[in-house]
Protein backbone atom coordinates (compact mmCIF):
# COMPACT_ATOMS: atom_id res chain seq x y z
CA MET A 1 120.08 65.16 125.77
CA LYS A 2 122.23 67.40 123.64
CA THR A 3 124.89 69.33 125.57
CA PRO A 4 124.51 73.09 125.17
CA ALA A 5 126.91 75.99 125.35
CA PHE A 6 125.66 78.66 127.78
CA ILE A 7 126.21 82.41 127.73
CA LEU A 8 125.60 83.99 131.11
CA CYS A 9 124.39 87.58 131.24
CA PRO A 10 123.38 90.08 133.96
CA GLY A 11 120.10 89.35 135.65
CA ARG A 12 120.67 85.57 135.58
CA THR A 13 122.66 83.96 138.40
CA GLU A 14 124.95 80.98 138.07
CA GLU A 15 122.47 79.02 140.21
CA PHE A 16 119.81 79.57 137.53
CA PHE A 17 121.95 77.90 134.89
CA THR A 18 123.24 75.26 137.29
CA ARG A 19 119.67 74.05 137.75
CA LEU A 20 119.37 73.64 134.01
CA LEU A 21 122.43 71.38 133.94
CA HIS A 22 120.49 68.62 135.71
CA HIS A 23 118.74 67.99 132.35
CA TYR A 24 122.02 66.98 130.67
CA ASP A 25 124.31 63.98 130.82
CA ASN A 26 127.46 66.13 130.57
CA PRO A 27 128.20 69.65 131.75
CA PRO A 28 128.43 72.43 129.12
CA PRO A 29 131.82 72.71 127.41
CA PHE A 30 132.24 76.36 128.25
CA ALA A 31 130.53 79.36 129.85
CA VAL A 32 131.08 83.05 129.24
CA LEU A 33 130.26 85.49 132.01
CA ILE A 34 129.31 89.05 131.07
CA LYS A 35 129.81 91.19 134.13
CA GLN A 36 127.31 93.76 135.27
CA LYS A 37 129.70 96.67 134.74
CA HIS A 38 130.18 96.04 131.00
CA LYS A 39 127.19 98.05 129.82
CA SER A 40 128.25 98.02 126.18
CA MET A 41 128.20 94.22 126.17
CA LYS A 42 124.72 94.27 127.64
CA LYS A 43 123.54 96.04 124.52
CA ILE A 44 125.26 93.59 122.21
CA ILE A 45 123.92 90.38 123.75
CA SER A 46 120.30 90.87 124.77
CA ILE A 47 118.09 88.63 126.81
CA ALA A 48 116.09 87.85 123.65
CA SER A 49 119.14 86.71 121.69
CA LEU A 50 120.29 84.69 124.68
CA ALA A 51 116.92 82.93 124.78
CA GLY A 52 117.26 82.07 121.11
CA LEU A 53 120.77 80.67 121.61
CA MET A 54 119.61 78.61 124.60
CA ALA A 55 116.61 77.23 122.73
CA GLN A 56 118.79 76.18 119.82
CA ALA A 57 121.38 74.64 122.12
CA ILE A 58 118.82 72.76 124.22
CA PHE A 59 116.48 71.50 121.55
CA GLY A 60 118.66 71.52 118.44
CA ALA A 61 117.64 72.87 115.04
CA GLU A 62 113.90 72.84 114.39
CA PRO A 63 112.55 71.41 111.14
CA ALA A 64 111.99 74.14 108.56
CA LEU A 65 109.41 74.44 105.80
CA THR A 66 109.13 76.80 102.86
CA ILE A 67 105.65 76.30 101.42
CA TYR A 68 104.72 77.36 97.90
CA ASN A 69 101.15 77.94 96.75
CA GLN A 70 101.68 75.37 93.97
CA ASN A 71 101.21 72.14 95.98
CA PHE A 72 104.81 71.63 97.06
CA ALA A 73 107.28 72.67 99.75
CA VAL A 74 110.97 72.63 100.59
CA VAL A 75 111.75 70.73 103.80
CA ARG A 76 114.89 71.00 105.91
CA ASP A 77 115.32 68.49 108.72
CA THR A 78 118.02 67.10 111.02
CA VAL A 79 119.36 63.53 110.77
CA PRO A 80 121.53 62.18 113.64
CA LEU A 81 124.43 60.20 112.15
CA ASP A 82 127.03 57.96 113.74
CA LEU A 83 129.38 57.14 110.87
CA LYS A 84 132.49 55.11 110.43
CA SER A 85 135.13 56.03 107.90
CA GLY A 86 134.18 54.59 104.53
CA VAL A 87 130.83 53.20 103.43
CA ASN A 88 127.83 53.29 105.79
CA ASN A 89 124.26 51.98 105.53
CA VAL A 90 121.90 54.64 106.83
CA ARG A 91 118.11 54.56 107.04
CA TYR A 92 116.10 57.81 107.15
CA ALA A 93 112.45 57.02 107.96
CA ASP A 94 111.20 60.55 108.64
CA ALA A 95 110.57 61.90 105.13
CA THR A 96 107.11 62.78 103.85
CA ALA A 97 105.03 60.32 101.85
CA ARG A 98 105.30 62.61 98.81
CA VAL A 99 109.01 63.37 98.82
CA GLU A 100 110.73 63.84 95.46
CA PRO A 101 113.66 61.46 96.05
CA ASP A 102 115.87 62.99 93.37
CA SER A 103 115.75 66.38 95.13
CA VAL A 104 117.43 65.11 98.34
CA ILE A 105 120.51 66.95 99.57
CA LEU A 106 122.45 65.67 102.62
CA ARG A 107 125.26 67.69 104.18
CA ASP A 108 127.10 68.43 107.38
CA PRO A 109 126.05 72.01 108.32
CA ALA A 110 129.29 72.42 110.27
CA GLY A 111 131.31 71.53 107.16
CA LYS A 112 133.53 69.02 109.03
CA HIS A 113 132.45 65.88 107.21
CA SER A 114 132.38 65.28 103.50
CA LEU A 115 129.32 63.15 102.67
CA GLN A 116 128.53 61.39 99.41
CA ILE A 117 125.42 59.30 98.75
CA TRP A 118 126.57 56.46 96.54
CA GLU A 119 123.15 54.90 96.34
CA GLN A 120 119.67 55.87 97.49
CA ASN A 121 116.61 53.61 97.64
CA TYR A 122 113.19 55.05 98.36
CA ARG A 123 110.54 52.79 99.88
CA ASN A 124 106.95 53.99 100.17
CA ASP A 125 105.08 50.75 100.79
CA PRO A 126 104.42 50.94 104.56
CA VAL A 127 103.23 47.81 106.33
CA THR A 128 99.65 46.80 105.59
CA GLN A 129 97.75 43.58 106.11
CA GLU A 130 97.78 42.91 102.37
CA LEU A 131 101.55 43.48 102.12
CA LEU A 132 102.28 41.09 105.02
CA LEU A 133 100.01 38.46 103.46
CA SER A 134 102.11 38.70 100.32
CA LEU A 135 105.33 38.22 102.32
CA PHE A 136 103.92 35.01 103.80
CA GLU A 137 102.62 33.51 100.57
CA GLY A 138 103.12 29.72 100.59
CA LYS A 139 103.27 29.66 104.39
CA THR A 140 100.71 28.69 107.02
CA ILE A 141 99.70 31.21 109.67
CA ASP A 142 96.89 31.45 112.23
CA PHE A 143 93.68 33.36 111.65
CA GLN A 144 91.69 34.53 114.66
CA ASN A 145 87.92 34.24 114.52
CA SER A 146 85.41 35.40 117.15
CA ARG A 147 81.96 33.85 117.56
CA MET A 148 79.14 33.90 120.05
CA LYS A 149 78.21 30.66 121.84
CA ASP A 150 75.69 30.51 124.72
CA ASN A 151 75.81 34.36 124.96
CA THR A 152 79.55 34.14 125.44
CA GLN A 153 82.08 35.39 122.95
CA SER A 154 84.82 32.89 122.26
CA ARG A 155 87.90 32.96 120.07
CA GLU A 156 89.22 30.25 117.84
CA PHE A 157 92.42 30.06 115.85
CA ILE A 158 92.23 28.59 112.36
CA PRO A 159 95.44 27.55 110.56
CA GLY A 160 95.43 28.62 106.92
CA LYS A 161 97.95 28.44 104.11
CA ILE A 162 98.25 31.63 102.02
CA ILE A 163 98.05 30.53 98.40
CA ARG A 164 97.52 34.04 97.01
CA SER A 165 97.62 37.18 99.18
CA GLY A 166 95.62 39.46 96.88
CA TYR A 167 98.27 42.18 97.18
CA VAL A 168 99.23 43.95 93.95
CA PRO A 169 102.19 46.42 94.07
CA GLY A 170 101.13 49.95 93.24
CA GLY A 171 97.84 49.90 95.10
CA GLY A 172 95.76 47.33 93.23
CA SER A 173 94.16 44.26 94.79
CA GLU A 174 92.87 40.79 93.97
CA GLN A 175 90.84 38.27 95.91
CA PRO A 176 93.03 36.31 98.33
CA ILE A 177 93.10 32.50 98.21
CA ILE A 178 93.53 30.67 101.52
CA GLU A 179 93.76 26.90 102.00
CA VAL A 180 91.92 25.71 105.13
CA ASN A 181 91.66 21.99 105.92
CA GLY A 182 92.70 21.09 102.38
CA LYS A 183 90.05 23.33 100.76
CA LEU A 184 90.50 26.66 99.00
CA GLN A 185 88.45 29.77 99.88
CA PHE A 186 88.44 33.29 98.45
CA THR A 187 87.97 35.05 101.78
CA LEU A 188 90.13 35.31 104.86
CA PRO A 189 88.94 32.88 107.56
CA GLY A 190 89.56 35.55 110.20
CA THR A 191 92.02 38.19 111.29
CA PRO A 192 95.53 37.11 110.24
CA LEU A 193 98.09 36.77 113.05
CA PHE A 194 101.60 37.26 111.67
CA PRO A 195 104.61 35.84 113.56
CA ASP A 196 106.80 38.86 112.59
CA LEU A 197 107.01 41.80 110.20
CA GLY A 198 109.16 40.02 107.69
CA ASP A 199 112.62 41.00 106.54
CA ASP A 200 111.63 43.43 103.80
CA THR A 201 109.02 45.76 105.29
CA VAL A 202 108.93 49.43 106.32
CA LEU A 203 106.56 51.03 108.79
CA LYS A 204 106.56 54.37 106.95
CA PRO A 205 108.18 55.98 103.86
CA THR A 206 111.93 55.39 104.11
CA LEU A 207 115.11 56.51 102.36
CA ASN A 208 117.96 53.99 102.51
CA TRP A 209 121.39 55.48 101.81
CA LEU A 210 124.70 53.90 100.96
CA LEU A 211 126.74 56.74 102.41
CA GLN A 212 130.45 57.45 101.98
CA SER A 213 132.13 59.44 104.77
CA ASP A 214 135.71 60.70 104.70
CA GLN A 215 136.09 60.27 108.48
CA PRO A 216 134.28 58.71 111.43
CA GLY A 217 132.10 60.90 113.61
CA LYS A 218 128.83 61.41 115.42
CA PHE A 219 126.94 64.56 114.42
CA ASP A 220 123.62 65.99 113.23
CA ALA A 221 123.45 66.20 109.46
CA GLU A 222 121.00 68.33 107.51
CA VAL A 223 118.69 66.76 104.93
CA SER A 224 116.73 68.92 102.50
CA TYR A 225 114.25 67.89 99.86
CA ILE A 226 111.23 68.95 97.83
CA THR A 227 107.87 67.36 98.62
CA GLY A 228 104.32 67.57 97.37
CA GLY A 229 101.26 67.78 99.56
CA PHE A 230 101.56 71.37 100.80
CA THR A 231 99.53 74.41 99.83
CA TRP A 232 98.92 77.83 101.27
CA GLU A 233 96.73 80.75 100.33
CA ALA A 234 95.96 84.23 101.58
CA ASP A 235 92.56 85.59 102.59
CA TYR A 236 91.67 89.14 103.53
CA ASN A 237 88.80 90.58 105.53
CA LEU A 238 88.03 94.28 105.11
CA VAL A 239 85.66 95.89 107.60
CA SER A 240 84.25 99.38 107.09
CA PRO A 241 82.02 101.50 109.33
CA GLU A 242 78.41 102.31 108.45
CA LYS A 243 79.54 105.50 106.71
CA GLY A 244 82.89 106.52 105.29
CA ASP A 245 85.60 105.27 102.99
CA THR A 246 88.09 103.81 105.49
CA VAL A 247 88.45 100.12 106.23
CA ASP A 248 90.30 97.87 108.63
CA LEU A 249 92.19 95.07 106.90
CA ILE A 250 93.04 91.69 108.41
CA GLY A 251 95.00 89.15 106.38
CA TRP A 252 95.20 85.42 107.07
CA VAL A 253 97.35 82.69 105.59
CA THR A 254 95.85 79.20 105.43
CA MET A 255 98.31 76.29 105.28
CA ASN A 256 97.26 72.76 104.34
CA ASN A 257 99.43 69.72 105.02
CA GLN A 258 98.61 66.58 103.04
CA SER A 259 102.20 65.30 102.91
CA GLY A 260 101.79 62.28 105.19
CA LYS A 261 104.09 63.72 107.89
CA THR A 262 103.59 65.91 110.96
CA PHE A 263 106.00 68.80 111.50
CA ARG A 264 106.35 69.74 115.15
CA ASP A 265 107.70 73.13 116.28
CA ALA A 266 108.71 73.94 112.72
CA ARG A 267 109.98 77.20 111.34
CA ILE A 268 107.63 77.96 108.45
CA LYS A 269 108.04 80.35 105.52
CA LEU A 270 105.62 81.00 102.70
CA MET A 271 106.75 81.84 99.18
CA ALA A 272 104.49 84.14 97.16
CA GLY A 273 104.94 84.37 93.43
CA ASP A 274 104.73 82.25 90.32
CA VAL A 275 107.70 79.90 90.65
CA ASN A 276 108.33 77.73 87.62
CA LYS A 277 107.79 74.11 88.67
CA ILE A 278 107.34 71.14 86.34
CA GLN A 279 104.13 69.34 87.30
CA PRO A 280 102.75 66.75 87.66
CA GLN A 281 105.77 64.75 86.46
CA ASN A 282 108.46 64.34 89.12
CA TYR A 283 111.40 65.23 86.91
CA PRO A 284 114.69 65.92 88.72
CA MET A 285 115.63 69.55 89.10
CA ALA A 286 119.04 70.95 88.34
CA ALA A 287 121.31 70.76 91.37
CA GLY A 288 122.03 74.48 91.39
CA ARG A 289 118.31 75.29 91.38
CA VAL A 290 117.61 72.85 94.20
CA MET A 291 120.45 74.36 96.25
CA LYS A 292 118.91 77.77 95.70
CA MET A 293 115.63 76.52 97.21
CA MET A 294 117.52 74.90 100.09
CA ASP A 295 119.16 78.24 100.89
CA MET A 296 115.81 79.99 101.12
CA ALA A 297 114.64 77.37 103.59
CA THR A 298 117.64 78.01 105.84
CA ALA A 299 117.40 81.81 105.90
CA ALA A 300 116.90 83.27 109.36
CA PRO A 301 113.25 84.17 110.00
CA ALA A 302 114.10 87.68 111.21
CA VAL A 303 111.38 89.55 109.31
CA THR A 304 107.73 89.01 108.53
CA GLU A 305 108.04 89.76 104.82
CA LYS A 306 110.89 90.42 102.44
CA ALA A 307 111.69 90.34 98.75
CA PHE A 308 113.50 87.16 97.72
CA ASP A 309 114.84 86.74 94.20
CA GLU A 310 111.82 87.61 92.01
CA PHE A 311 109.32 86.61 94.68
CA HIS A 312 108.29 87.50 98.23
CA LEU A 313 109.00 85.43 101.31
CA TYR A 314 106.81 85.50 104.42
CA SER A 315 108.17 84.12 107.71
CA LEU A 316 106.03 83.10 110.64
CA ALA A 317 107.31 84.85 113.74
CA ARG A 318 107.14 81.74 115.94
CA THR A 319 107.61 78.04 115.42
CA THR A 320 104.39 76.12 115.01
CA THR A 321 103.21 72.52 114.70
CA LEU A 322 101.60 71.54 111.41
CA LEU A 323 99.94 68.14 111.71
CA ASP A 324 99.41 65.78 108.82
CA ARG A 325 96.01 66.39 107.18
CA GLU A 326 95.68 69.63 109.12
CA THR A 327 94.61 73.06 107.93
CA LYS A 328 96.11 75.89 109.99
CA GLN A 329 95.45 79.62 109.79
CA VAL A 330 97.76 82.38 110.96
CA GLU A 331 97.14 86.13 110.89
CA PHE A 332 99.91 87.84 108.92
CA VAL A 333 98.79 91.42 108.35
CA ARG A 334 96.58 93.90 110.21
CA ALA A 335 95.99 97.52 109.24
CA THR A 336 93.50 100.16 110.35
CA ASP A 337 92.14 103.33 108.74
CA VAL A 338 93.02 102.24 105.22
CA LYS A 339 91.48 104.62 102.70
CA ALA A 340 89.40 102.53 100.30
CA PRO A 341 86.79 104.77 98.61
CA VAL A 342 83.74 103.31 96.90
CA ILE A 343 83.74 103.60 93.10
CA TYR A 344 80.67 103.16 90.89
CA ILE A 345 81.31 101.87 87.36
CA TYR A 346 78.75 101.75 84.59
CA ASP A 347 80.09 99.64 81.72
CA GLY A 348 77.05 99.30 79.49
CA ALA A 349 78.78 97.11 76.89
CA GLU A 350 80.98 95.01 79.15
CA SER A 351 79.67 91.67 77.91
CA GLY A 352 82.78 90.79 75.92
CA TYR A 353 82.63 93.64 73.39
CA ARG A 354 86.24 94.55 72.63
CA PHE A 355 88.49 95.57 69.74
CA TYR A 356 90.05 92.40 68.32
CA GLY A 357 92.37 93.91 65.74
CA GLY A 358 90.15 94.15 62.65
CA LEU A 359 87.53 96.51 61.28
CA ASN A 360 84.05 95.78 62.59
CA SER A 361 81.22 97.45 60.65
CA ASP A 362 78.40 95.27 61.98
CA ARG A 363 75.76 97.78 63.12
CA GLY A 364 74.39 95.53 65.86
CA TYR A 365 77.75 94.66 67.39
CA GLY A 366 78.18 96.11 70.87
CA THR A 367 74.67 97.57 71.14
CA GLN A 368 73.30 95.03 73.64
CA GLY A 369 73.92 96.59 77.01
CA ASN A 370 73.00 96.10 80.65
CA LYS A 371 71.56 98.26 83.43
CA LYS A 372 73.88 97.22 86.25
CA VAL A 373 76.22 99.66 87.93
CA ARG A 374 79.15 97.89 89.57
CA VAL A 375 80.28 98.75 93.09
CA MET A 376 84.06 98.70 93.51
CA ARG A 377 86.60 99.51 96.19
CA GLU A 378 90.00 100.97 95.46
CA PHE A 379 92.96 101.36 97.79
CA VAL A 380 96.67 101.97 97.49
CA ASN A 381 99.02 99.44 99.03
CA ALA A 382 101.37 102.05 100.48
CA GLU A 383 102.80 103.00 103.87
CA THR A 384 101.02 106.35 103.59
CA ASN A 385 97.81 104.30 103.54
CA HIS A 386 98.87 102.17 106.56
CA LEU A 387 99.88 99.22 104.37
CA GLY A 388 103.01 98.99 102.21
CA ILE A 389 103.63 95.23 102.45
CA ALA A 390 103.64 92.97 99.38
CA LEU A 391 100.25 91.24 99.40
CA PRO A 392 100.04 87.68 98.01
CA LYS A 393 97.11 86.78 95.82
CA GLY A 394 93.95 85.69 97.57
CA LYS A 395 90.31 86.37 98.30
CA LEU A 396 89.07 89.68 99.75
CA ARG A 397 85.85 89.72 101.73
CA PHE A 398 84.12 93.01 102.52
CA TYR A 399 82.07 93.64 105.63
CA ARG A 400 80.26 96.82 106.69
CA ARG A 401 79.08 97.58 110.21
CA ASP A 402 75.40 98.40 110.60
CA ALA A 403 74.03 101.13 112.86
CA ASP A 404 73.83 98.60 115.71
CA GLY A 405 77.50 97.67 115.23
CA GLN A 406 76.81 94.29 113.64
CA MET A 407 78.94 93.38 110.64
CA GLU A 408 77.21 92.45 107.39
CA PHE A 409 78.87 90.72 104.43
CA VAL A 410 78.71 92.99 101.35
CA GLY A 411 80.80 91.20 98.73
CA GLU A 412 84.09 89.56 97.83
CA ASP A 413 86.62 89.42 95.03
CA MET A 414 90.10 88.08 94.23
CA ILE A 415 93.36 90.00 94.05
CA ASP A 416 96.57 89.00 92.32
CA HIS A 417 100.07 89.28 93.81
CA THR A 418 100.33 93.02 94.52
CA PRO A 419 103.63 94.81 95.21
CA ARG A 420 103.75 97.76 97.56
CA ASN A 421 102.73 101.19 96.22
CA GLU A 422 100.38 99.55 93.69
CA THR A 423 96.63 100.23 93.52
CA ILE A 424 94.12 97.46 94.17
CA ARG A 425 90.62 97.65 92.70
CA VAL A 426 88.07 94.97 93.53
CA THR A 427 84.37 94.46 92.76
CA THR A 428 81.98 93.93 95.66
CA GLY A 429 78.73 93.65 93.70
CA ASN A 430 76.12 95.72 91.83
CA ALA A 431 74.45 98.84 93.20
CA PHE A 432 70.78 98.44 94.08
CA ASP A 433 69.83 102.14 93.74
CA LEU A 434 71.87 103.08 90.66
CA VAL A 435 70.65 102.34 87.14
CA GLY A 436 72.20 102.85 83.73
CA GLU A 437 70.85 102.55 80.18
CA ARG A 438 72.79 102.65 76.94
CA LYS A 439 71.55 102.72 73.34
CA GLN A 440 72.89 103.41 69.86
CA THR A 441 71.32 106.55 68.35
CA ASN A 442 73.17 106.85 65.05
CA PHE A 443 75.27 104.67 62.75
CA ARG A 444 76.75 105.62 59.37
CA VAL A 445 79.45 103.91 57.37
CA ASP A 446 81.14 104.90 54.07
CA ASN A 447 83.36 102.11 52.76
CA GLY A 448 84.39 104.19 49.73
CA ASP A 449 85.86 107.03 51.81
CA LYS A 450 86.71 104.59 54.61
CA TRP A 451 84.99 106.11 57.62
CA LEU A 452 82.31 105.17 60.17
CA ASP A 453 80.37 107.34 62.61
CA GLU A 454 78.51 106.01 65.63
CA SER A 455 76.56 107.80 68.38
CA PHE A 456 75.36 106.62 71.79
CA GLU A 457 72.99 107.91 74.45
CA ILE A 458 73.62 106.94 78.07
CA LYS A 459 71.05 107.52 80.82
CA LEU A 460 71.91 107.36 84.51
CA ARG A 461 69.56 107.39 87.50
CA ASN A 462 70.59 107.87 91.12
CA ARG A 463 67.90 106.65 93.55
CA LYS A 464 70.11 107.08 96.57
CA LYS A 465 69.63 109.71 99.26
CA GLU A 466 73.21 110.93 98.89
CA PRO A 467 75.24 112.23 95.94
CA VAL A 468 77.47 109.84 93.98
CA GLU A 469 79.90 109.90 91.10
CA ILE A 470 79.41 107.28 88.38
CA ARG A 471 82.27 106.43 86.04
CA VAL A 472 80.88 105.59 82.62
CA VAL A 473 83.25 103.31 80.68
CA GLU A 474 82.98 103.06 76.89
CA HIS A 475 84.91 100.66 74.65
CA LEU A 476 85.75 101.86 71.15
CA TYR A 477 85.85 98.44 69.58
CA ARG A 478 85.34 99.01 65.83
CA TRP A 479 88.80 100.19 64.68
CA ASN A 480 92.09 101.34 66.18
CA ASN A 481 91.95 104.84 64.61
CA TRP A 482 89.17 106.89 66.25
CA GLU A 483 88.23 110.41 67.32
CA ILE A 484 85.45 111.74 69.58
CA THR A 485 83.73 114.40 67.46
CA ALA A 486 80.89 115.29 69.84
CA LYS A 487 80.32 114.84 73.57
CA SER A 488 78.05 116.13 76.34
CA ASP A 489 80.64 115.61 79.10
CA ASP A 490 84.41 115.57 79.39
CA PHE A 491 86.14 112.21 79.21
CA LYS A 492 89.49 110.64 79.98
CA LYS A 493 91.28 108.16 77.75
CA THR A 494 92.24 105.15 79.93
CA ASP A 495 93.84 103.02 77.19
CA ALA A 496 94.06 102.81 73.38
CA GLN A 497 90.43 101.64 73.01
CA THR A 498 88.70 102.88 76.17
CA ILE A 499 87.37 106.22 77.43
CA GLU A 500 85.78 107.13 80.76
CA PHE A 501 83.24 109.81 81.68
CA ARG A 502 83.00 110.83 85.35
CA VAL A 503 79.45 111.96 86.03
CA PRO A 504 78.57 113.55 89.42
CA MET A 505 74.95 113.00 90.39
CA LYS A 506 72.77 114.52 93.09
CA PRO A 507 70.30 112.46 95.16
CA ASP A 508 67.40 111.19 93.04
CA GLU A 509 68.84 112.81 89.89
CA GLU A 510 68.55 111.55 86.32
CA ARG A 511 71.12 112.50 83.69
CA THR A 512 71.57 111.78 80.01
CA GLY A 513 74.92 111.89 78.25
CA THR A 514 75.82 111.51 74.59
CA TYR A 515 78.90 111.14 72.45
CA THR A 516 79.83 110.46 68.81
CA VAL A 517 82.92 108.60 67.68
CA HIS A 518 84.42 108.86 64.17
CA TYR A 519 86.46 105.89 62.87
CA SER A 520 88.67 106.15 59.75
CA TRP A 521 90.89 103.67 57.95
């Protein structure tokens, strides 16, 4: 086992560390004793930091992953090397099945050895029955066959010469041809029994290096590479009480490993953002850019979330094991009493009616409306609202507790990557007890004087037992130069082609609003 360097601190006797030495072939090279009376030193080296140093010394560096939500990851692993000065043949058989070979970087993290890969060969044809048959083409091997005779299962061994294995490099296959007793057959006469693996086989994906070293030495090198087969995504659950506008938010990250390799006790980071990555072709990346990704994988996981370059990096607080073909979920954010008021939106012409840059004088355009009033939630991602952490894109699910305390699902929506202090607005569904109607009441156009007038009537009905405010959204889609010449309610301009009326309504109230817009060109 690897020999550690111990730091002894108050509260731990020498006997405690002496017992640990029984796990090692050699005693530790040095020990530093911090005496009880040096209180300032006690503050500098804490028990927690000591535990981290001991773990690293005892177990070595853990594998590290930085997973992107674009079906790839950056891997950093340790490779034990025992090199002679000059050229060495080294086999690394612990890469993923979807490694990008041209992204590999090998280095001595201590900086004592200069390493240069003169040649790299990547093999990803692990041993299969078909592959071994191909390696023994033209040779005779035994085939085992089981059969029942007098209610007793017996085994027989049939010699057969492999004329054609049926193996096709790249994953294809053909019918095998086996010669048995001087006759050819297109099926295997039984289970093939191979005398050995052959001289040119690998049990799993392997990188073979022709490695130049400037000096001999035995040390742990660091290998880093980019691999496919990894994804992660965020999901959020928001739970609100029966009444009120506050919610509790729980965020999960879901990681999926389809890389062909298990990562045990790995330090995992998740990169949120739209990183430019050429896909699906496996083109080599510029060395400087790859090194930049390697650096992010080696950063100390001291914080849960931080800004990194133009993206955001999330670090899992503890090492975890991510098995091949496993989906793992980890909670990454939890907040209570987040203010997320309900907003009701009536967009009577939301079915694709927009201003597209040209004059539109078609009387019927934009007059087909709907009666649905959307239910939305809005909250600010700020510390003053018990949040303030950059939220990666993902699905939000809303739950509301009933009078008996049971949670009921009331809708879901997607959010994009959202920085802190930004407002999030999501749709949860359509209101059952709110109804809107919209119709065109007047339309006049004068192409000679270049103007157009249009009027609308909007009816709202609140069948709830409590008051609500409905935001009526209207799109002015006919021309970019417009003016509201008549209105029954005040409005707010939300963008160059959109206005919004905020209409307060009492329980069981019906209201009618009108407005006229004048276009000129």
